[in-house]
Amino acid sequence: MDLVLLDRRNDVATLTLNRPGSANSLDMPLASQLRDRATEVAADDRVRCVVLTGKGRMFCGGGDVGSFEQAADRKSYVTELASTLHQAILTLVAMPKPLLVQVNGPAAGAGLSLALVGDVVLAARSAHFLAAYTRIGMTPDGGMTWLLPRLIGFRRAQEMILTNRRVSADEAEQLGLITRGVDDDQLGQESASIAEQMAAASTTAIAVSRALLWKGLTASLADQLASEADSIGEAADTVDGREGAQAFLARHAPDFGRNR
C-alpha cells in the first residue's frame, strides 16, 4: 500500500498521508515513505512547489501509539520513528522549493509539527490543533518545541504543549500558527491556486529566500545582513534575476517558466 501518495501535476507535487483508517498516524512504514517521498520531490527539478496534506477527515493524528505497544524494544522503536520523521522534515525544510501544507482536518502531536514547517499553511475551518503528547506521558518531537514558540510566542507554546489546549483553525490564524483558515469546500481550490502561483515564480529566489528566513530564526542581525547582501548580489547575476529586472524595466510580467 502507498502510505504517502505522490501526485505530480505540472510543476506541483502533492504528498498525501494515506492511512485514513488510522487518522494518518505515523508508524515506521509511513514515516519511512514520507522521508523517501520528500527526498524524491526535493531532488526532482521538474517540481517547483510541494504540497503536503492528508487523506480523509484527519490531517495527521500524530504517532501511532498502537505501534509503540507492539514494538519489541519500545525505546528504540520510538527513537527511530522520531528520527525518521525528522529526516523527512529536514528534507522538506531544506529543499530548494516552497512547501505548502494543506491541513484538511485535525492535526495532533507530530501532525501539528508537520503543519508548522510549511512556508504557507492553509487549514480547513473545521480543523483544530493539539499538542497531545503529555496526555499520554510522552514528549514532543518533529521540532515542535523549537518552532512553535517562535511562531506563537513562548507563553502560548507552553500552554499548548503542557495543558494540551485545543486550538481551532480560526484561533490558529490569529496566533500565527497557520497562514490562514479557509472554508472547507474551498480548501483544495485555494491551495492549488497558491501552489501554482509559487510554482510560476522564480524558484531560485524562493529557495534562497526560504533559506534566509530559516537561518534568520537563530542568526545575529549582523550575520543576517551579511547573508542578505551576499544573496541579493548572487541573485542579481542569475538568469531569473536578469529576467525579473528586464521584465520590470519593460513593464511586463517576468516569464520565469522559460528558464526551467
C-alpha atoms as a PDB file:
ATOM      1  CA  MET A   1       0.000   0.000   0.000  1.00  0.00           C
ATOM      2  CA  ASP A   2       1.192   3.508  -0.817  1.00  0.00           C
ATOM      3  CA  LEU A   3       1.185   5.186   2.577  1.00  0.00           C
ATOM      4  CA  VAL A   4       2.252   8.502   1.057  1.00  0.00           C
ATOM      5  CA  LEU A   5       0.616   9.218  -2.277  1.00  0.00           C
ATOM      6  CA  LEU A   6       2.602  11.270  -4.780  1.00  0.00           C
ATOM      7  CA  ASP A   7       0.678  13.191  -7.418  1.00  0.00           C
ATOM      8  CA  ARG A   8       2.538  15.396  -9.912  1.00  0.00           C
ATOM      9  CA  ARG A   9       0.508  17.930 -11.835  1.00  0.00           C
ATOM     10  CA  ASN A  10       2.526  20.277 -13.997  1.00  0.00           C
ATOM     11  CA  ASP A  11       5.131  21.810 -11.644  1.00  0.00           C
ATOM     12  CA  VAL A  12       3.367  20.913  -8.375  1.00  0.00           C
ATOM     13  CA  ALA A  13       3.874  17.669  -6.433  1.00  0.00           C
ATOM     14  CA  THR A  14       1.321  16.743  -3.768  1.00  0.00           C
ATOM     15  CA  LEU A  15       2.238  14.347  -0.964  1.00  0.00           C
ATOM     16  CA  THR A  16      -0.799  12.847   0.763  1.00  0.00           C
ATOM     17  CA  LEU A  17      -0.565  10.907   4.009  1.00  0.00           C
ATOM     18  CA  ASN A  18      -2.611   7.803   3.247  1.00  0.00           C
ATOM     19  CA  ARG A  19      -3.656   5.965   6.401  1.00  0.00           C
ATOM     20  CA  PRO A  20      -7.146   7.444   6.706  1.00  0.00           C
ATOM     21  CA  GLY A  21      -8.440   4.483   8.712  1.00  0.00           C
ATOM     22  CA  SER A  22      -5.772   5.198  11.341  1.00  0.00           C
ATOM     23  CA  ALA A  23      -6.077   9.008  11.355  1.00  0.00           C
ATOM     24  CA  ASN A  24      -2.946   9.150   9.156  1.00  0.00           C
ATOM     25  CA  SER A  25      -0.969   8.395  12.311  1.00  0.00           C
ATOM     26  CA  LEU A  26       2.750   7.817  11.899  1.00  0.00           C
ATOM     27  CA  ASP A  27       4.165   4.318  12.227  1.00  0.00           C
ATOM     28  CA  MET A  28       7.540   3.293  10.836  1.00  0.00           C
ATOM     29  CA  PRO A  29       6.313   2.389   7.324  1.00  0.00           C
ATOM     30  CA  LEU A  30       4.502   5.741   6.922  1.00  0.00           C
ATOM     31  CA  ALA A  31       7.411   7.766   8.339  1.00  0.00           C
ATOM     32  CA  SER A  32       9.843   5.926   6.063  1.00  0.00           C
ATOM     33  CA  GLN A  33       7.713   6.541   2.984  1.00  0.00           C
ATOM     34  CA  LEU A  34       7.321  10.220   3.903  1.00  0.00           C
ATOM     35  CA  ARG A  35      11.104  10.534   4.203  1.00  0.00           C
ATOM     36  CA  ASP A  36      11.604   8.799   0.852  1.00  0.00           C
ATOM     37  CA  ARG A  37       8.903  10.797  -0.935  1.00  0.00           C
ATOM     38  CA  ALA A  38      10.291  14.042   0.474  1.00  0.00           C
ATOM     39  CA  THR A  39      13.741  13.106  -0.816  1.00  0.00           C
ATOM     40  CA  GLU A  40      12.283  12.264  -4.220  1.00  0.00           C
ATOM     41  CA  VAL A  41      10.396  15.535  -4.762  1.00  0.00           C
ATOM     42  CA  ALA A  42      13.215  17.620  -3.296  1.00  0.00           C
ATOM     43  CA  ALA A  43      15.614  16.220  -5.912  1.00  0.00           C
ATOM     44  CA  ASP A  44      13.175  16.445  -8.851  1.00  0.00           C
ATOM     45  CA  ASP A  45      13.932  19.593 -10.867  1.00  0.00           C
ATOM     46  CA  ARG A  46      10.546  19.326 -12.561  1.00  0.00           C
ATOM     47  CA  VAL A  47       8.839  20.013  -9.224  1.00  0.00           C
ATOM     48  CA  ARG A  48       8.702  23.695  -8.331  1.00  0.00           C
ATOM     49  CA  CYS A  49       6.311  23.516  -5.368  1.00  0.00           C
ATOM     50  CA  VAL A  50       5.376  20.752  -2.914  1.00  0.00           C
ATOM     51  CA  VAL A  51       2.018  20.362  -1.164  1.00  0.00           C
ATOM     52  CA  LEU A  52       1.597  18.189   1.932  1.00  0.00           C
ATOM     53  CA  THR A  53      -1.870  17.065   3.021  1.00  0.00           C
ATOM     54  CA  GLY A  54      -3.768  14.114   4.490  1.00  0.00           C
ATOM     55  CA  LYS A  55      -6.408  11.742   3.127  1.00  0.00           C
ATOM     56  CA  GLY A  56      -9.764  11.503   4.824  1.00  0.00           C
ATOM     57  CA  ARG A  57     -11.104  13.561   7.695  1.00  0.00           C
ATOM     58  CA  MET A  58      -7.768  13.946   9.558  1.00  0.00           C
ATOM     59  CA  PHE A  59      -4.567  15.649   8.530  1.00  0.00           C
ATOM     60  CA  CYS A  60      -2.453  13.597  10.924  1.00  0.00           C
ATOM     61  CA  GLY A  61      -3.233  12.237  14.372  1.00  0.00           C
ATOM     62  CA  GLY A  62       0.433  12.064  15.434  1.00  0.00           C
ATOM     63  CA  GLY A  63       2.342   8.925  16.269  1.00  0.00           C
ATOM     64  CA  ASP A  64       0.687   5.527  16.049  1.00  0.00           C
ATOM     65  CA  VAL A  65       0.561   4.653  19.751  1.00  0.00           C
ATOM     66  CA  GLY A  66      -0.528   1.099  18.942  1.00  0.00           C
ATOM     67  CA  SER A  67       2.739   0.505  17.118  1.00  0.00           C
ATOM     68  CA  PHE A  68       4.628   1.630  20.239  1.00  0.00           C
ATOM     69  CA  GLU A  69       2.966  -1.133  22.225  1.00  0.00           C
ATOM     70  CA  GLN A  70       3.743  -3.770  19.607  1.00  0.00           C
ATOM     71  CA  ALA A  71       7.448  -2.935  19.411  1.00  0.00           C
ATOM     72  CA  ALA A  72       9.854  -5.439  20.935  1.00  0.00           C
ATOM     73  CA  ASP A  73      12.040  -2.566  22.133  1.00  0.00           C
ATOM     74  CA  ARG A  74       9.730   0.378  22.770  1.00  0.00           C
ATOM     75  CA  LYS A  75      12.507   2.915  23.413  1.00  0.00           C
ATOM     76  CA  SER A  76      14.493   2.033  20.286  1.00  0.00           C
ATOM     77  CA  TYR A  77      11.370   1.937  18.120  1.00  0.00           C
ATOM     78  CA  VAL A  78      10.051   5.344  19.176  1.00  0.00           C
ATOM     79  CA  THR A  79      13.506   6.927  18.880  1.00  0.00           C
ATOM     80  CA  GLU A  80      13.932   5.514  15.372  1.00  0.00           C
ATOM     81  CA  LEU A  81      10.420   6.602  14.398  1.00  0.00           C
ATOM     82  CA  ALA A  82      11.062  10.171  15.557  1.00  0.00           C
ATOM     83  CA  SER A  83      14.448  10.252  13.836  1.00  0.00           C
ATOM     84  CA  THR A  84      12.910   9.072  10.550  1.00  0.00           C
ATOM     85  CA  LEU A  85      10.237  11.754  10.771  1.00  0.00           C
ATOM     86  CA  HIS A  86      12.941  14.319  11.487  1.00  0.00           C
ATOM     87  CA  GLN A  87      14.822  13.304   8.351  1.00  0.00           C
ATOM     88  CA  ALA A  88      11.665  13.955   6.326  1.00  0.00           C
ATOM     89  CA  ILE A  89      11.137  17.338   7.993  1.00  0.00           C
ATOM     90  CA  LEU A  90      14.729  18.451   7.433  1.00  0.00           C
ATOM     91  CA  THR A  91      14.458  17.494   3.764  1.00  0.00           C
ATOM     92  CA  LEU A  92      11.212  19.436   3.334  1.00  0.00           C
ATOM     93  CA  VAL A  93      12.685  22.475   5.077  1.00  0.00           C
ATOM     94  CA  ALA A  94      15.981  22.466   3.162  1.00  0.00           C
ATOM     95  CA  MET A  95      14.679  21.677  -0.340  1.00  0.00           C
ATOM     96  CA  PRO A  96      15.099  24.491  -2.906  1.00  0.00           C
ATOM     97  CA  LYS A  97      11.365  24.882  -3.485  1.00  0.00           C
ATOM     98  CA  PRO A  98       8.415  26.030  -1.369  1.00  0.00           C
ATOM     99  CA  LEU A  99       6.249  23.820   0.828  1.00  0.00           C
ATOM    100  CA  LEU A 100       2.517  24.426   1.183  1.00  0.00           C
ATOM    101  CA  VAL A 101       0.802  22.459   3.944  1.00  0.00           C
ATOM    102  CA  GLN A 102      -2.908  21.852   3.364  1.00  0.00           C
ATOM    103  CA  VAL A 103      -4.358  20.941   6.754  1.00  0.00           C
ATOM    104  CA  ASN A 104      -7.538  19.155   5.714  1.00  0.00           C
ATOM    105  CA  GLY A 105      -8.582  18.181   9.248  1.00  0.00           C
ATOM    106  CA  PRO A 106      -7.394  17.885  12.854  1.00  0.00           C
ATOM    107  CA  ALA A 107      -3.622  17.876  13.436  1.00  0.00           C
ATOM    108  CA  ALA A 108      -2.346  16.397  16.690  1.00  0.00           C
ATOM    109  CA  GLY A 109       1.085  15.522  18.050  1.00  0.00           C
ATOM    110  CA  ALA A 110       3.532  15.045  15.190  1.00  0.00           C
ATOM    111  CA  GLY A 111       0.726  16.140  12.868  1.00  0.00           C
ATOM    112  CA  LEU A 112       0.923  19.574  14.454  1.00  0.00           C
ATOM    113  CA  SER A 113       4.700  19.525  13.990  1.00  0.00           C
ATOM    114  CA  LEU A 114       4.270  18.714  10.286  1.00  0.00           C
ATOM    115  CA  ALA A 115       1.840  21.609   9.900  1.00  0.00           C
ATOM    116  CA  LEU A 116       4.331  24.034  11.435  1.00  0.00           C
ATOM    117  CA  VAL A 117       7.062  23.501   8.822  1.00  0.00           C
ATOM    118  CA  GLY A 118       5.113  24.821   5.818  1.00  0.00           C
ATOM    119  CA  ASP A 119       6.062  28.080   4.127  1.00  0.00           C
ATOM    120  CA  VAL A 120       2.348  28.599   3.607  1.00  0.00           C
ATOM    121  CA  VAL A 121      -0.112  26.727   5.840  1.00  0.00           C
ATOM    122  CA  LEU A 122      -3.801  26.669   4.921  1.00  0.00           C
ATOM    123  CA  ALA A 123      -6.256  24.929   7.239  1.00  0.00           C
ATOM    124  CA  ALA A 124      -9.864  23.923   6.800  1.00  0.00           C
ATOM    125  CA  ARG A 125     -12.010  25.869   9.271  1.00  0.00           C
ATOM    126  CA  SER A 126     -13.183  22.542  10.700  1.00  0.00           C
ATOM    127  CA  ALA A 127      -9.571  21.648  11.586  1.00  0.00           C
ATOM    128  CA  HIS A 128      -8.053  22.049  15.022  1.00  0.00           C
ATOM    129  CA  PHE A 129      -4.574  21.719  16.513  1.00  0.00           C
ATOM    130  CA  LEU A 130      -3.495  19.813  19.587  1.00  0.00           C
ATOM    131  CA  ALA A 131      -0.061  19.011  21.048  1.00  0.00           C
ATOM    132  CA  ALA A 132      -1.375  15.868  22.786  1.00  0.00           C
ATOM    133  CA  TYR A 133       1.982  14.466  23.950  1.00  0.00           C
ATOM    134  CA  THR A 134       1.787  14.884  27.732  1.00  0.00           C
ATOM    135  CA  ARG A 135      -1.737  13.466  27.677  1.00  0.00           C
ATOM    136  CA  ILE A 136      -0.192  10.051  27.040  1.00  0.00           C
ATOM    137  CA  GLY A 137       3.005  10.587  29.039  1.00  0.00           C
ATOM    138  CA  MET A 138       5.128  11.466  26.000  1.00  0.00           C
ATOM    139  CA  THR A 139       7.243  14.469  24.986  1.00  0.00           C
ATOM    140  CA  PRO A 140       7.151  16.464  21.729  1.00  0.00           C
ATOM    141  CA  ASP A 141       9.016  15.634  18.544  1.00  0.00           C
ATOM    142  CA  GLY A 142       9.046  16.902  14.983  1.00  0.00           C
ATOM    143  CA  GLY A 143      10.657  20.190  16.036  1.00  0.00           C
ATOM    144  CA  MET A 144       7.581  21.375  17.936  1.00  0.00           C
ATOM    145  CA  THR A 145       9.481  22.767  20.922  1.00  0.00           C
ATOM    146  CA  TRP A 146      11.779  24.711  18.561  1.00  0.00           C
ATOM    147  CA  LEU A 147       9.288  26.133  16.089  1.00  0.00           C
ATOM    148  CA  LEU A 148       6.021  26.589  17.988  1.00  0.00           C
ATOM    149  CA  PRO A 149       7.444  29.190  20.450  1.00  0.00           C
ATOM    150  CA  ARG A 150       8.934  31.096  17.523  1.00  0.00           C
ATOM    151  CA  LEU A 151       5.583  31.196  15.737  1.00  0.00           C
ATOM    152  CA  ILE A 152       3.135  31.944  18.539  1.00  0.00           C
ATOM    153  CA  GLY A 153       5.324  33.023  21.471  1.00  0.00           C
ATOM    154  CA  PHE A 154       6.803  31.144  24.401  1.00  0.00           C
ATOM    155  CA  ARG A 155       3.848  31.519  26.784  1.00  0.00           C
ATOM    156  CA  ARG A 156       1.266  30.299  24.288  1.00  0.00           C
ATOM    157  CA  ALA A 157       3.524  27.419  23.275  1.00  0.00           C
ATOM    158  CA  GLN A 158       3.871  26.447  26.940  1.00  0.00           C
ATOM    159  CA  GLU A 159       0.098  26.360  27.282  1.00  0.00           C
ATOM    160  CA  MET A 160      -0.470  24.307  24.137  1.00  0.00           C
ATOM    161  CA  ILE A 161       2.229  21.751  24.967  1.00  0.00           C
ATOM    162  CA  LEU A 162       1.803  21.479  28.742  1.00  0.00           C
ATOM    163  CA  THR A 163      -2.006  21.665  29.016  1.00  0.00           C
ATOM    164  CA  ASN A 164      -2.976  20.189  25.625  1.00  0.00           C
ATOM    165  CA  ARG A 165      -5.390  23.023  24.933  1.00  0.00           C
ATOM    166  CA  ARG A 166      -7.104  22.528  21.591  1.00  0.00           C
ATOM    167  CA  VAL A 167      -6.767  25.435  19.177  1.00  0.00           C
ATOM    168  CA  SER A 168      -9.304  25.995  16.403  1.00  0.00           C
ATOM    169  CA  ALA A 169      -8.301  26.976  12.873  1.00  0.00           C
ATOM    170  CA  ASP A 170      -9.610  30.489  13.403  1.00  0.00           C
ATOM    171  CA  GLU A 171      -7.593  30.928  16.594  1.00  0.00           C
ATOM    172  CA  ALA A 172      -4.550  29.321  14.943  1.00  0.00           C
ATOM    173  CA  GLU A 173      -4.721  32.033  12.283  1.00  0.00           C
ATOM    174  CA  GLN A 174      -4.941  34.764  14.918  1.00  0.00           C
ATOM    175  CA  LEU A 175      -1.962  33.305  16.800  1.00  0.00           C
ATOM    176  CA  GLY A 176       0.169  32.970  13.668  1.00  0.00           C
ATOM    177  CA  LEU A 177       0.317  29.196  13.919  1.00  0.00           C
ATOM    178  CA  ILE A 178      -1.071  28.927  10.367  1.00  0.00           C
ATOM    179  CA  THR A 179      -1.180  31.325   7.440  1.00  0.00           C
ATOM    180  CA  ARG A 180      -4.961  31.369   7.353  1.00  0.00           C
ATOM    181  CA  GLY A 181      -8.126  29.337   7.681  1.00  0.00           C
ATOM    182  CA  VAL A 182     -10.185  28.525   4.602  1.00  0.00           C
ATOM    183  CA  ASP A 183     -13.758  27.285   4.278  1.00  0.00           C
ATOM    184  CA  ASP A 184     -13.659  23.506   3.944  1.00  0.00           C
ATOM    185  CA  ASP A 185     -15.188  23.428   0.489  1.00  0.00           C
ATOM    186  CA  GLN A 186     -12.657  25.990  -0.783  1.00  0.00           C
ATOM    187  CA  LEU A 187      -9.502  24.499   0.727  1.00  0.00           C
ATOM    188  CA  GLY A 188      -8.419  22.405  -2.255  1.00  0.00           C
ATOM    189  CA  GLN A 189      -9.035  25.188  -4.749  1.00  0.00           C
ATOM    190  CA  GLU A 190      -7.235  27.816  -2.669  1.00  0.00           C
ATOM    191  CA  SER A 191      -4.279  25.513  -2.059  1.00  0.00           C
ATOM    192  CA  ALA A 192      -3.981  24.709  -5.764  1.00  0.00           C
ATOM    193  CA  SER A 193      -4.118  28.393  -6.675  1.00  0.00           C
ATOM    194  CA  ILE A 194      -1.328  29.361  -4.271  1.00  0.00           C
ATOM    195  CA  ALA A 195       0.799  26.343  -5.227  1.00  0.00           C
ATOM    196  CA  GLU A 196       0.519  27.247  -8.912  1.00  0.00           C
ATOM    197  CA  GLN A 197       1.429  30.853  -8.115  1.00  0.00           C
ATOM    198  CA  MET A 198       4.566  29.797  -6.246  1.00  0.00           C
ATOM    199  CA  ALA A 199       5.493  27.278  -8.938  1.00  0.00           C
ATOM    200  CA  ALA A 200       5.356  30.038 -11.556  1.00  0.00           C
ATOM    201  CA  ALA A 201       7.646  32.307  -9.539  1.00  0.00           C
ATOM    202  CA  SER A 202      11.442  32.301  -9.511  1.00  0.00           C
ATOM    203  CA  THR A 203      12.376  29.105  -7.741  1.00  0.00           C
ATOM    204  CA  THR A 204      15.932  30.403  -7.413  1.00  0.00           C
ATOM    205  CA  ALA A 205      14.752  33.445  -5.469  1.00  0.00           C
ATOM    206  CA  ILE A 206      12.236  31.450  -3.428  1.00  0.00           C
ATOM    207  CA  ALA A 207      14.789  28.797  -2.497  1.00  0.00           C
ATOM    208  CA  VAL A 208      17.276  31.357  -1.195  1.00  0.00           C
ATOM    209  CA  SER A 209      14.573  33.453   0.483  1.00  0.00           C
ATOM    210  CA  ARG A 210      13.164  30.497   2.418  1.00  0.00           C
ATOM    211  CA  ALA A 211      16.694  29.502   3.453  1.00  0.00           C
ATOM    212  CA  LEU A 212      17.324  33.056   4.695  1.00  0.00           C
ATOM    213  CA  LEU A 213      14.090  33.005   6.693  1.00  0.00           C
ATOM    214  CA  TRP A 214      15.015  29.767   8.433  1.00  0.00           C
ATOM    215  CA  LYS A 215      18.560  30.976   9.084  1.00  0.00           C
ATOM    216  CA  GLY A 216      17.255  34.260  10.462  1.00  0.00           C
ATOM    217  CA  LEU A 217      15.486  32.461  13.297  1.00  0.00           C
ATOM    218  CA  THR A 218      18.826  31.989  15.053  1.00  0.00           C
ATOM    219  CA  ALA A 219      21.350  34.286  13.314  1.00  0.00           C
ATOM    220  CA  SER A 220      22.508  37.628  14.685  1.00  0.00           C
ATOM    221  CA  LEU A 221      21.404  40.764  12.854  1.00  0.00           C
ATOM    222  CA  ALA A 222      24.937  41.419  11.625  1.00  0.00           C
ATOM    223  CA  ASP A 223      25.288  37.876  10.267  1.00  0.00           C
ATOM    224  CA  GLN A 224      21.866  38.014   8.651  1.00  0.00           C
ATOM    225  CA  LEU A 225      22.619  41.337   6.969  1.00  0.00           C
ATOM    226  CA  ALA A 226      25.834  39.867   5.579  1.00  0.00           C
ATOM    227  CA  SER A 227      23.956  36.822   4.281  1.00  0.00           C
ATOM    228  CA  GLU A 228      21.340  39.042   2.654  1.00  0.00           C
ATOM    229  CA  ALA A 229      23.989  41.169   0.944  1.00  0.00           C
ATOM    230  CA  ASP A 230      25.722  38.101  -0.463  1.00  0.00           C
ATOM    231  CA  SER A 231      22.444  36.504  -1.528  1.00  0.00           C
ATOM    232  CA  ILE A 232      20.984  39.506  -3.322  1.00  0.00           C
ATOM    233  CA  GLY A 233      24.259  40.047  -5.168  1.00  0.00           C
ATOM    234  CA  GLU A 234      24.256  36.455  -6.357  1.00  0.00           C
ATOM    235  CA  ALA A 235      20.548  36.634  -7.267  1.00  0.00           C
ATOM    236  CA  ALA A 236      21.107  39.703  -9.422  1.00  0.00           C
ATOM    237  CA  ASP A 237      23.509  37.708 -11.568  1.00  0.00           C
ATOM    238  CA  THR A 238      21.257  34.675 -12.141  1.00  0.00           C
ATOM    239  CA  VAL A 239      19.099  34.002 -15.179  1.00  0.00           C
ATOM    240  CA  ASP A 240      15.987  34.633 -13.082  1.00  0.00           C
ATOM    241  CA  GLY A 241      17.461  37.847 -11.688  1.00  0.00           C
ATOM    242  CA  ARG A 242      18.128  39.184 -15.171  1.00  0.00           C
ATOM    243  CA  GLU A 243      14.689  38.124 -16.395  1.00  0.00           C
ATOM    244  CA  GLY A 244      12.989  39.811 -13.452  1.00  0.00           C
ATOM    245  CA  ALA A 245      14.890  43.084 -13.842  1.00  0.00           C
ATOM    246  CA  GLN A 246      14.393  43.231 -17.604  1.00  0.00           C
ATOM    247  CA  ALA A 247      10.677  42.499 -17.258  1.00  0.00           C
ATOM    248  CA  PHE A 248      10.338  45.204 -14.601  1.00  0.00           C
ATOM    249  CA  LEU A 249      12.028  47.802 -16.819  1.00  0.00           C
ATOM    250  CA  ALA A 250       9.949  46.729 -19.826  1.00  0.00           C
ATOM    251  CA  ARG A 251       6.794  46.934 -17.686  1.00  0.00           C
ATOM    252  CA  HIS A 252       5.592  43.372 -18.230  1.00  0.00           C
ATOM    253  CA  ALA A 253       5.378  40.277 -16.025  1.00  0.00           C
ATOM    254  CA  PRO A 254       8.528  38.133 -15.906  1.00  0.00           C
ATOM    255  CA  ASP A 255       8.395  34.712 -17.506  1.00  0.00           C
ATOM    256  CA  PHE A 256      10.447  32.565 -15.177  1.00  0.00           C
ATOM    257  CA  GLY A 257       8.976  29.467 -16.800  1.00  0.00           C
ATOM    258  CA  ARG A 258      11.178  29.778 -19.857  1.00  0.00           C
ATOM    259  CA  ASN A 259      14.216  29.423 -17.620  1.00  0.00           C
ATOM    260  CA  ARG A 260      13.179  25.976 -16.374  1.00  0.00           C
END
